[in-house]
Structures are given as structure tokens and as C-alpha cells.
Amino acid sequence: MRWRFAPHACSLMCVLSTARACLVPAAPPGKDFPPSGLVIRSRAAEDEAAGGSMLRFRTVHGGLRLLGVRRTSTAPAPSPNVRRLEYKPIKKVMVANRGEIAIRVFRACTELGIRTVAVYSEQDTGQMHRQKADEAYLIGRGLAPVQAYLHIPDIIKVAKENNVDAVHPGYGFLSERADFAQACQDAGVRFIGPSPEVVRKMGDKVEARAIAIAAGVPVVPGTDAPITSLHEAHEFSNTYGFPIIFKAAYGGGGRGMRVVHSYEELEENYTRAYSEALAAFGNGALFVEKFIEKPRHIEVQILGDQYGNILHLYERDCSIQRRHQKVVEIAPAAHLDPQLRTRLTGDSVKLAKQVGYENAGTVEFLVDKHGKHYFIEVNSRLQVEHTVTEEITE
């Protein structure tokens, strides 16, 4: 077991969706955990013999390296739950982001021989991500830096005018915006991430909860829809008791979250949670859950392709947090019961299949003091913390 951080590692998880392939873990003889690399191959072994397609990677320091590619026009039949896309080689990728994540994606693309495009705000003219790309274009002229990277029309315009094949959203900014994923699709540009519909479903915490229930994944007791009044919060408290927690229905990252321990605290925390959610996400809708005290926070890295094939890359323990923000990530999680690990990873795959998930994502759970786990959310994007998983899948 190794506990390592990888701020320098070169991510290839972020571009795996460009391959028309399914994903199978490859571990060394006699070792089940952690996996030592990935073999990416056609859906069934006979497809290869029949002239299918295979992409094989080997692990290198900080990531994966492409060893070889053989392609033909033969493709396996897609799962009925997933959309089918015509295969189009990706020769140019734009990152609609800045900073560390943009540089990491550029590095991965360069290893694959893919040309890279950066976008930057007026204030970011001298930033490193602009220098690391093959091409760079100004967006959001006259706007504040954050607003520039949220300006979808400019980003789509740059992509179309410069023959970009795919857009990677990075994390933050537009990475969990279904309207951005849809705008890319409408412009004929591949969005490196889940489909717009899946991004929308996973971004709506109430709908994500309903999907988890349908998939048979345990959830924390909570409301089935956003509450519309303080009275509904009172009723929930009467049923389940304190403590409870308010959560923003249309966003995450710890904003719009308030823990309530008594009736006297209810009104003030409801008002504050609503205001925080409205300011952060443009929608103050809240839902209420029973608050699990002193839980472990465990998240599972998943990868999926367009044929409904899902794999997990094991878990990370992100229990050490400050104001609901993760401070330390440990992988594999220390002192985690093997049976609990199996349940966590199995439920993550089950949930991803239920929704037809594609690309990289993270399924998050709380584990109580009795070892029971509860689904809380899916981050339908590449997470900052994915580098830790890269280090245990060498």
C-alpha cells in the first residue's frame, strides 16, 4: 500500500474518451489490487480476431503511454442505454480552462500526438497555460477573468473557427454545465466528458438521488424533491430528528450546506443555505438530509465508454476536510474493510451503468461508524484529486 501525491503527474484519464474502445483493468499475475495498468480493447475478444480495434497503453511515471493502435471500420454494437457516436479521429483538442489542469491535458495530448489549443482572458495573457499550447486565443474581451472562462459563445466560436475536434472542460468553470456540453455537441465538437443529459442529471442532486435509489444504491434519508419552505424542513426534522443538513440542489463544493442541530437553529440556517446556493449557482433550491455524524468520506474513480462498459480505479479517502473542502486525499483508503470496498466499488459501477455514464467521473459516499455506506453525489468531470488515483494504478 502506498500513500502518494502526484502534483506533477501527466493525466491521460482526461482523454480516454477520445478512443472508441472499452476499458478492462490489467493487473500483474497474482495481484488484484492495485491494478498496474489499463488495456483498452474492443468489447469482446473475438472482435480483435475479426478485425476490430485495439488500443494498448502501458504505465509510465505519472500516467499512461500509448503503445499501439490498430483500427478498422468494425465496431461492437452499442448498449441500448448509451448513445452511439460516429467515430471521428481527434487531431486537435481545446481546453476551456486555465492553470494546472489545462497544462496537464496539453501534456497528455502532446504524448498522443494531438495538437492543443488554449483560451485565455485579457488578464491571463502571460499565464503559463497559454504558452504550453500549440495555439492560443483570447476570449471574453472586456470581461472579468472568471466571466471570460464562462462565456460559452466565445469558446464555441474559437473552437469552430479553428477546426477543433474536441473540447476538454477541465474542472471548475464550465465542467459540470450541461448547457456547455450541449453547445459543443450542437456545434459539431466533441465534449470530452459525459453526455449533456448525464451532466444535467448528475448536477441535479435530487435527480441523482432518485437514480441511485433506482439502481439499488443506498442513500441517506432525505427529501425526494427540493423543499420550498421552512415548514417542509420542520416536517422532515419531526420525522427523522436532528441533526439534519441543508444542501444546494443544483451545485456542490460545500456551498449552500448548513448543519442544523436543533429547532432553534433551523430558520437561520435555512436562510443562509438558501442565500449561499442562490449566490453560487443562481438557484437557491435546497434539499434536506439526515446528517451522518463523524463519517468517513470515500470516493470511487470510474471510467466509462460509449458502449456501456464501466470500470472503477478503486477508492480515495477524502475524510480530512475544512469547511466541506477536501484537504488531504489518501489512496487506497487505510483500514477499509475489503467487503466494504467491494460494496463501494460495485455500487459505483452499478450507478454509472444505470445512467449510461461516459468518460471519467467520481462517485462519492459517506460511511458511518457502523460500516454502512450512503451515496451522496457524482462529480461528472475529472476531479483535482485524480492524480492520487494515477499514482496507485501504475
Protein backbone atom coordinates (compact mmCIF):
# COMPACT_ATOMS: atom_id res chain seq x y z
CA MET A 1 0.00 0.00 0.00
CA ARG A 2 1.40 3.39 -0.98
CA TRP A 3 0.18 6.83 0.03
CA ARG A 4 1.47 9.28 -2.53
CA PHE A 5 0.55 12.59 -4.07
CA ALA A 6 1.17 13.37 -7.72
CA PRO A 7 1.02 17.11 -8.46
CA HIS A 8 3.39 16.56 -11.39
CA ALA A 9 1.76 13.53 -12.97
CA CYS A 10 0.64 13.64 -16.59
CA SER A 11 -3.04 12.78 -16.82
CA LEU A 12 -4.33 10.54 -19.57
CA MET A 13 -7.60 9.73 -17.87
CA CYS A 14 -8.82 13.03 -19.23
CA VAL A 15 -8.54 11.99 -22.88
CA LEU A 16 -9.56 8.34 -22.73
CA SER A 17 -12.99 9.25 -24.09
CA THR A 18 -11.41 10.04 -27.44
CA ALA A 19 -10.85 6.34 -28.05
CA ARG A 20 -13.69 4.25 -29.43
CA ALA A 21 -12.96 1.44 -27.04
CA CYS A 22 -13.99 -0.27 -23.84
CA LEU A 23 -11.92 -0.47 -20.70
CA VAL A 24 -10.53 -3.51 -18.95
CA PRO A 25 -8.14 -3.43 -15.97
CA ALA A 26 -4.88 -5.32 -16.34
CA ALA A 27 -3.11 -6.42 -13.16
CA PRO A 28 0.16 -8.34 -12.80
CA PRO A 29 -0.05 -12.09 -12.09
CA GLY A 30 -1.21 -12.81 -8.59
CA LYS A 31 -2.15 -9.21 -7.82
CA ASP A 32 -5.70 -7.92 -7.72
CA PHE A 33 -5.05 -4.55 -6.09
CA PRO A 34 -3.99 -2.08 -7.17
CA PRO A 35 -4.25 -2.52 -10.96
CA SER A 36 -0.90 -1.97 -12.69
CA GLY A 37 -2.20 -0.52 -15.93
CA LEU A 38 -5.03 -0.45 -18.40
CA VAL A 39 -5.68 -2.45 -21.51
CA ILE A 40 -8.20 -0.70 -23.72
CA ARG A 41 -9.68 -3.04 -26.24
CA SER A 42 -12.72 -3.93 -28.30
CA ARG A 43 -15.84 -5.04 -26.48
CA ALA A 44 -15.20 -8.76 -26.92
CA ALA A 45 -12.02 -10.70 -27.60
CA GLU A 46 -13.42 -12.11 -30.85
CA ASP A 47 -13.78 -8.57 -32.25
CA GLU A 48 -9.99 -8.31 -32.31
CA ALA A 49 -9.63 -11.58 -34.20
CA ALA A 50 -12.34 -10.44 -36.60
CA GLY A 51 -10.53 -7.21 -37.37
CA GLY A 52 -11.85 -4.96 -34.59
CA SER A 53 -9.88 -2.22 -32.91
CA MET A 54 -7.45 -2.25 -30.02
CA LEU A 55 -5.62 0.47 -28.18
CA ARG A 56 -2.99 -0.68 -25.69
CA PHE A 57 -1.34 1.52 -23.08
CA ARG A 58 1.46 0.92 -20.64
CA THR A 59 2.06 2.87 -17.48
CA VAL A 60 4.86 5.39 -17.27
CA HIS A 61 5.87 7.76 -14.49
CA GLY A 62 2.82 9.89 -13.76
CA GLY A 63 0.43 8.43 -16.30
CA LEU A 64 -0.11 6.11 -19.24
CA ARG A 65 1.58 5.93 -22.60
CA LEU A 66 0.05 4.77 -25.86
CA LEU A 67 1.85 1.67 -27.16
CA GLY A 68 -0.02 0.94 -30.32
CA VAL A 69 -3.27 1.34 -32.21
CA ARG A 70 -4.98 -0.87 -34.76
CA ARG A 71 -8.30 0.33 -36.15
CA THR A 72 -10.79 -0.88 -38.71
CA SER A 73 -14.33 0.18 -39.53
CA THR A 74 -15.77 -2.68 -37.44
CA ALA A 75 -17.30 -1.53 -34.14
CA PRO A 76 -19.14 -3.53 -31.49
CA ALA A 77 -22.85 -2.96 -31.13
CA PRO A 78 -23.59 -0.29 -28.51
CA SER A 79 -25.56 -0.96 -25.35
CA PRO A 80 -29.23 0.08 -25.72
CA ASN A 81 -28.78 2.50 -22.78
CA VAL A 82 -26.00 4.52 -24.37
CA ARG A 83 -25.83 6.88 -27.30
CA ARG A 84 -23.86 5.91 -30.38
CA LEU A 85 -21.41 8.33 -31.95
CA GLU A 86 -19.72 8.09 -35.30
CA TYR A 87 -16.02 7.62 -34.80
CA LYS A 88 -14.02 10.70 -35.72
CA PRO A 89 -10.26 10.88 -35.18
CA ILE A 90 -9.33 13.63 -32.74
CA LYS A 91 -6.42 15.67 -34.01
CA LYS A 92 -6.93 18.94 -32.14
CA VAL A 93 -8.16 19.47 -28.56
CA MET A 94 -9.04 22.76 -26.90
CA VAL A 95 -9.08 23.13 -23.11
CA ALA A 96 -11.75 25.57 -21.94
CA ASN A 97 -9.86 26.26 -18.73
CA ARG A 98 -6.60 27.62 -17.38
CA GLY A 99 -3.79 26.83 -14.96
CA GLU A 100 -2.63 23.41 -13.83
CA ILE A 101 -5.42 21.32 -15.38
CA ALA A 102 -5.02 22.93 -18.80
CA ILE A 103 -1.27 22.24 -18.76
CA ARG A 104 -1.79 18.62 -17.72
CA VAL A 105 -4.25 18.00 -20.54
CA PHE A 106 -1.91 19.67 -23.04
CA ARG A 107 0.92 17.40 -21.87
CA ALA A 108 -1.22 14.29 -22.27
CA CYS A 109 -2.37 15.38 -25.75
CA THR A 110 1.21 16.03 -26.82
CA GLU A 111 2.14 12.46 -25.80
CA LEU A 112 -0.67 11.24 -28.05
CA GLY A 113 0.36 13.47 -30.95
CA ILE A 114 -2.75 15.66 -30.64
CA ARG A 115 -2.49 19.37 -31.37
CA THR A 116 -3.58 21.65 -28.50
CA VAL A 117 -5.49 24.93 -28.26
CA ALA A 118 -5.63 27.26 -25.25
CA VAL A 119 -8.06 30.07 -24.46
CA TYR A 120 -7.22 32.94 -22.14
CA SER A 121 -8.75 36.08 -20.69
CA GLU A 122 -7.22 39.54 -21.11
CA GLN A 123 -5.82 39.31 -17.57
CA ASP A 124 -4.24 35.90 -18.26
CA THR A 125 -2.17 36.94 -21.28
CA GLY A 126 1.08 35.99 -19.53
CA GLN A 127 -0.11 32.77 -17.90
CA MET A 128 1.77 29.52 -18.48
CA HIS A 129 -1.14 27.57 -19.95
CA ARG A 130 -1.18 29.96 -22.90
CA GLN A 131 2.50 29.30 -23.59
CA LYS A 132 2.18 25.49 -23.34
CA ALA A 133 -0.44 25.09 -26.07
CA ASP A 134 0.25 24.91 -29.82
CA GLU A 135 -2.33 27.66 -30.38
CA ALA A 136 -3.90 30.23 -28.04
CA TYR A 137 -6.87 32.59 -28.49
CA LEU A 138 -8.34 35.44 -26.46
CA ILE A 139 -11.89 35.03 -25.10
CA GLY A 140 -14.23 37.27 -23.11
CA ARG A 141 -12.82 40.60 -24.23
CA GLY A 142 -13.75 43.24 -21.66
CA LEU A 143 -14.95 40.67 -19.11
CA ALA A 144 -13.56 39.80 -15.67
CA PRO A 145 -11.31 36.68 -15.71
CA VAL A 146 -13.87 34.25 -14.29
CA GLN A 147 -16.64 35.52 -16.56
CA ALA A 148 -14.37 35.14 -19.59
CA TYR A 149 -13.97 31.39 -18.97
CA LEU A 150 -17.75 31.09 -18.52
CA HIS A 151 -18.53 32.84 -21.81
CA ILE A 152 -19.81 29.92 -23.86
CA PRO A 153 -20.36 31.82 -27.17
CA ASP A 154 -16.70 32.92 -27.34
CA ILE A 155 -15.41 29.43 -26.52
CA ILE A 156 -17.59 27.79 -29.16
CA LYS A 157 -16.62 30.44 -31.70
CA VAL A 158 -12.91 29.76 -31.15
CA ALA A 159 -13.49 26.02 -31.46
CA LYS A 160 -15.41 26.29 -34.73
CA GLU A 161 -13.14 28.87 -36.35
CA ASN A 162 -10.01 26.86 -35.62
CA ASN A 163 -11.19 23.36 -36.55
CA VAL A 164 -11.12 22.00 -33.00
CA ASP A 165 -12.24 18.37 -32.85
CA ALA A 166 -12.88 18.17 -29.10
CA VAL A 167 -13.15 20.43 -26.06
CA HIS A 168 -11.95 19.44 -22.62
CA PRO A 169 -13.61 21.47 -19.82
CA GLY A 170 -11.02 20.73 -17.10
CA TYR A 171 -12.53 21.18 -13.64
CA GLY A 172 -14.45 24.14 -12.26
CA PHE A 173 -15.82 26.80 -14.64
CA LEU A 174 -17.99 25.00 -17.25
CA SER A 175 -17.04 21.41 -16.41
CA GLU A 176 -20.44 20.50 -14.93
CA ARG A 177 -22.62 22.73 -17.10
CA ALA A 178 -24.99 20.67 -19.24
CA ASP A 179 -25.65 23.70 -21.47
CA PHE A 180 -21.95 23.89 -22.35
CA ALA A 181 -21.80 20.18 -23.19
CA GLN A 182 -24.90 20.67 -25.35
CA ALA A 183 -23.43 23.76 -27.05
CA CYS A 184 -20.34 21.74 -28.00
CA GLN A 185 -22.48 18.93 -29.36
CA ASP A 186 -24.66 21.36 -31.34
CA ALA A 187 -21.53 22.92 -32.85
CA GLY A 188 -20.27 19.52 -34.01
CA VAL A 189 -17.42 19.50 -31.48
CA ARG A 190 -16.91 16.52 -29.15
CA PHE A 191 -17.27 17.35 -25.47
CA ILE A 192 -14.71 15.32 -23.51
CA GLY A 193 -16.99 14.24 -20.72
CA PRO A 194 -20.40 12.66 -20.19
CA SER A 195 -23.36 13.45 -22.45
CA PRO A 196 -25.27 16.69 -21.77
CA GLU A 197 -28.18 14.68 -20.38
CA VAL A 198 -25.97 12.80 -17.92
CA VAL A 199 -24.26 16.04 -16.82
CA ARG A 200 -27.71 17.52 -16.19
CA LYS A 201 -28.95 14.50 -14.24
CA MET A 202 -25.85 14.25 -12.07
CA GLY A 203 -25.81 18.01 -11.46
CA ASP A 204 -29.34 17.86 -10.06
CA LYS A 205 -28.72 16.32 -6.64
CA VAL A 206 -32.37 15.32 -6.22
CA GLU A 207 -32.49 13.51 -9.57
CA ALA A 208 -29.10 11.89 -8.91
CA ARG A 209 -30.51 10.60 -5.64
CA ALA A 210 -33.54 9.14 -7.43
CA ILE A 211 -31.25 7.42 -9.96
CA ALA A 212 -29.20 5.91 -7.13
CA ILE A 213 -32.37 4.56 -5.50
CA ALA A 214 -33.47 3.06 -8.83
CA ALA A 215 -30.05 1.39 -9.16
CA GLY A 216 -30.35 -0.12 -5.68
CA VAL A 217 -27.59 2.04 -4.19
CA PRO A 218 -28.19 3.07 -0.55
CA VAL A 219 -28.79 6.77 0.10
CA VAL A 220 -29.02 8.93 3.22
CA PRO A 221 -32.65 9.55 4.31
CA GLY A 222 -33.71 12.83 2.73
CA THR A 223 -36.33 14.72 0.71
CA ASP A 224 -37.19 13.39 -2.74
CA ALA A 225 -37.50 16.90 -4.18
CA PRO A 226 -36.20 20.39 -3.33
CA ILE A 227 -38.06 21.92 -0.42
CA THR A 228 -39.94 25.18 -0.99
CA SER A 229 -40.48 26.38 2.55
CA LEU A 230 -39.17 26.32 6.10
CA HIS A 231 -42.30 24.38 7.07
CA GLU A 232 -41.11 21.38 5.00
CA ALA A 233 -37.78 21.45 6.86
CA HIS A 234 -39.73 21.37 10.15
CA GLU A 235 -41.71 18.35 8.98
CA PHE A 236 -38.56 16.49 7.95
CA SER A 237 -36.97 17.23 11.35
CA ASN A 238 -40.07 15.92 13.11
CA THR A 239 -39.82 12.66 11.17
CA TYR A 240 -36.08 11.96 11.29
CA GLY A 241 -34.84 14.07 14.20
CA PHE A 242 -31.68 16.14 14.45
CA PRO A 243 -29.04 16.70 13.23
CA ILE A 244 -30.05 17.42 9.63
CA ILE A 245 -28.20 19.14 6.80
CA PHE A 246 -29.35 21.55 4.10
CA LYS A 247 -27.69 21.06 0.71
CA ALA A 248 -27.87 23.05 -2.52
CA ALA A 249 -29.94 21.10 -5.04
CA TYR A 250 -28.04 22.38 -8.09
CA GLY A 251 -24.40 22.60 -7.02
CA GLY A 252 -21.70 21.26 -4.72
CA GLY A 253 -18.27 22.14 -3.44
CA GLY A 254 -19.55 22.77 0.10
CA ARG A 255 -21.54 25.88 -0.79
CA GLY A 256 -25.14 26.04 0.34
CA MET A 257 -24.52 23.41 3.04
CA ARG A 258 -25.62 24.00 6.62
CA VAL A 259 -25.83 21.53 9.52
CA VAL A 260 -28.71 22.06 11.97
CA HIS A 261 -28.74 20.56 15.46
CA SER A 262 -31.99 21.96 16.89
CA TYR A 263 -35.27 23.70 16.05
CA GLU A 264 -33.80 26.99 17.29
CA GLU A 265 -31.12 26.87 14.56
CA LEU A 266 -33.48 25.85 11.75
CA GLU A 267 -34.69 29.20 10.38
CA GLU A 268 -31.30 30.94 10.41
CA ASN A 269 -29.51 28.05 8.69
CA TYR A 270 -32.27 27.61 6.13
CA THR A 271 -31.99 31.29 5.18
CA ARG A 272 -28.19 31.18 4.98
CA ALA A 273 -28.10 27.97 2.95
CA TYR A 274 -30.65 29.38 0.50
CA SER A 275 -28.67 32.62 0.09
CA GLU A 276 -25.37 30.78 -0.43
CA ALA A 277 -26.88 28.43 -3.02
CA LEU A 278 -28.52 31.31 -4.87
CA ALA A 279 -25.28 33.30 -4.99
CA ALA A 280 -23.13 30.34 -6.05
CA PHE A 281 -25.40 28.53 -8.50
CA GLY A 282 -28.09 31.02 -9.49
CA ASN A 283 -30.73 28.80 -7.85
CA GLY A 284 -31.42 28.71 -4.12
CA ALA A 285 -33.28 25.38 -4.16
CA LEU A 286 -32.33 23.14 -1.23
CA PHE A 287 -32.96 19.60 -0.18
CA VAL A 288 -32.66 18.17 3.31
CA GLU A 289 -30.88 15.04 4.52
CA LYS A 290 -30.31 13.32 7.82
CA PHE A 291 -26.80 14.38 8.87
CA ILE A 292 -24.35 11.48 9.37
CA GLU A 293 -22.07 12.45 12.24
CA LYS A 294 -18.33 11.85 12.01
CA PRO A 295 -18.46 9.76 8.81
CA ARG A 296 -15.65 8.69 6.54
CA HIS A 297 -15.87 10.30 3.11
CA ILE A 298 -14.88 7.78 0.43
CA GLU A 299 -14.95 8.43 -3.31
CA VAL A 300 -14.54 5.98 -6.19
CA GLN A 301 -12.93 6.85 -9.52
CA ILE A 302 -14.87 5.49 -12.51
CA LEU A 303 -14.29 5.41 -16.26
CA GLY A 304 -16.88 4.60 -18.92
CA ASP A 305 -17.16 4.37 -22.68
CA GLN A 306 -19.98 4.90 -25.16
CA TYR A 307 -20.83 1.18 -25.27
CA GLY A 308 -21.89 0.99 -21.63
CA ASN A 309 -18.66 -0.52 -20.32
CA ILE A 310 -17.72 0.83 -16.88
CA LEU A 311 -14.70 0.18 -14.70
CA HIS A 312 -13.54 1.59 -11.39
CA LEU A 313 -10.00 2.50 -10.37
CA TYR A 314 -10.62 1.92 -6.66
CA GLU A 315 -11.22 4.46 -3.94
CA ARG A 316 -9.78 7.56 -2.31
CA ASP A 317 -10.34 8.61 1.31
CA CYS A 318 -11.08 12.35 1.47
CA SER A 319 -12.32 12.49 5.07
CA ILE A 320 -9.90 15.23 6.13
CA GLN A 321 -11.75 18.41 5.17
CA ARG A 322 -12.07 22.05 6.16
CA ARG A 323 -15.42 23.76 5.65
CA HIS A 324 -16.55 20.90 3.40
CA GLN A 325 -13.44 21.34 1.21
CA LYS A 326 -11.11 18.35 0.81
CA VAL A 327 -7.65 18.94 2.23
CA VAL A 328 -5.98 15.51 2.09
CA GLU A 329 -6.66 12.55 -0.24
CA ILE A 330 -5.36 9.06 0.56
CA ALA A 331 -5.46 6.10 -1.80
CA PRO A 332 -6.04 3.30 -1.23
CA ALA A 333 -8.14 4.14 1.83
CA ALA A 334 -6.45 2.95 5.01
CA HIS A 335 -8.13 0.33 7.23
CA LEU A 336 -11.07 -0.08 4.87
CA ASP A 337 -12.84 -3.41 5.23
CA PRO A 338 -12.36 -5.41 1.98
CA GLN A 339 -16.05 -6.26 1.84
CA LEU A 340 -16.95 -2.59 2.22
CA ARG A 341 -14.50 -1.73 -0.58
CA THR A 342 -16.24 -4.28 -2.80
CA ARG A 343 -19.65 -2.79 -2.00
CA LEU A 344 -18.46 0.77 -2.66
CA THR A 345 -16.83 -0.01 -5.99
CA GLY A 346 -19.67 -2.30 -7.05
CA ASP A 347 -22.32 0.31 -6.31
CA SER A 348 -20.30 2.95 -8.18
CA VAL A 349 -20.23 0.81 -11.31
CA LYS A 350 -23.90 -0.08 -10.91
CA LEU A 351 -24.90 3.59 -10.65
CA ALA A 352 -22.76 4.58 -13.64
CA LYS A 353 -24.36 1.86 -15.76
CA GLN A 354 -27.83 2.94 -14.65
CA VAL A 355 -27.30 6.41 -16.11
CA GLY A 356 -25.17 5.43 -19.14
CA TYR A 357 -22.08 7.23 -17.87
CA GLU A 358 -19.17 8.01 -20.21
CA ASN A 359 -15.64 9.28 -19.54
CA ALA A 360 -14.07 9.99 -16.14
CA GLY A 361 -16.14 10.65 -13.05
CA THR A 362 -16.22 10.23 -9.29
CA VAL A 363 -18.93 8.64 -7.14
CA GLU A 364 -18.91 9.88 -3.54
CA PHE A 365 -20.12 8.08 -0.41
CA LEU A 366 -20.35 8.61 3.32
CA VAL A 367 -19.52 5.65 5.58
CA ASP A 368 -20.93 5.73 9.11
CA LYS A 369 -19.42 4.29 12.28
CA HIS A 370 -21.27 1.01 11.69
CA GLY A 371 -19.68 0.49 8.26
CA LYS A 372 -22.84 1.35 6.31
CA HIS A 373 -22.28 3.42 3.19
CA TYR A 374 -24.56 6.02 1.62
CA PHE A 375 -24.38 7.63 -1.82
CA ILE A 376 -24.13 11.42 -1.78
CA GLU A 377 -23.22 12.60 -5.30
CA VAL A 378 -21.48 12.06 -8.63
CA ASN A 379 -18.95 14.56 -9.92
CA SER A 380 -19.43 14.27 -13.67
CA ARG A 381 -15.97 15.55 -14.53
CA LEU A 382 -12.30 14.98 -13.91
CA GLN A 383 -11.50 15.84 -10.29
CA VAL A 384 -8.47 17.67 -8.95
CA GLU A 385 -7.73 14.54 -6.92
CA HIS A 386 -7.47 12.13 -9.87
CA THR A 387 -3.66 12.37 -9.71
CA VAL A 388 -3.72 10.36 -6.48
CA THR A 389 -5.52 7.53 -8.30
CA GLU A 390 -2.91 7.71 -11.08
CA GLU A 391 -0.23 7.00 -8.51
CA ILE A 392 -1.86 3.76 -7.29
CA THR A 393 -2.61 2.48 -10.80
CA GLU A 394 0.99 2.47 -12.01
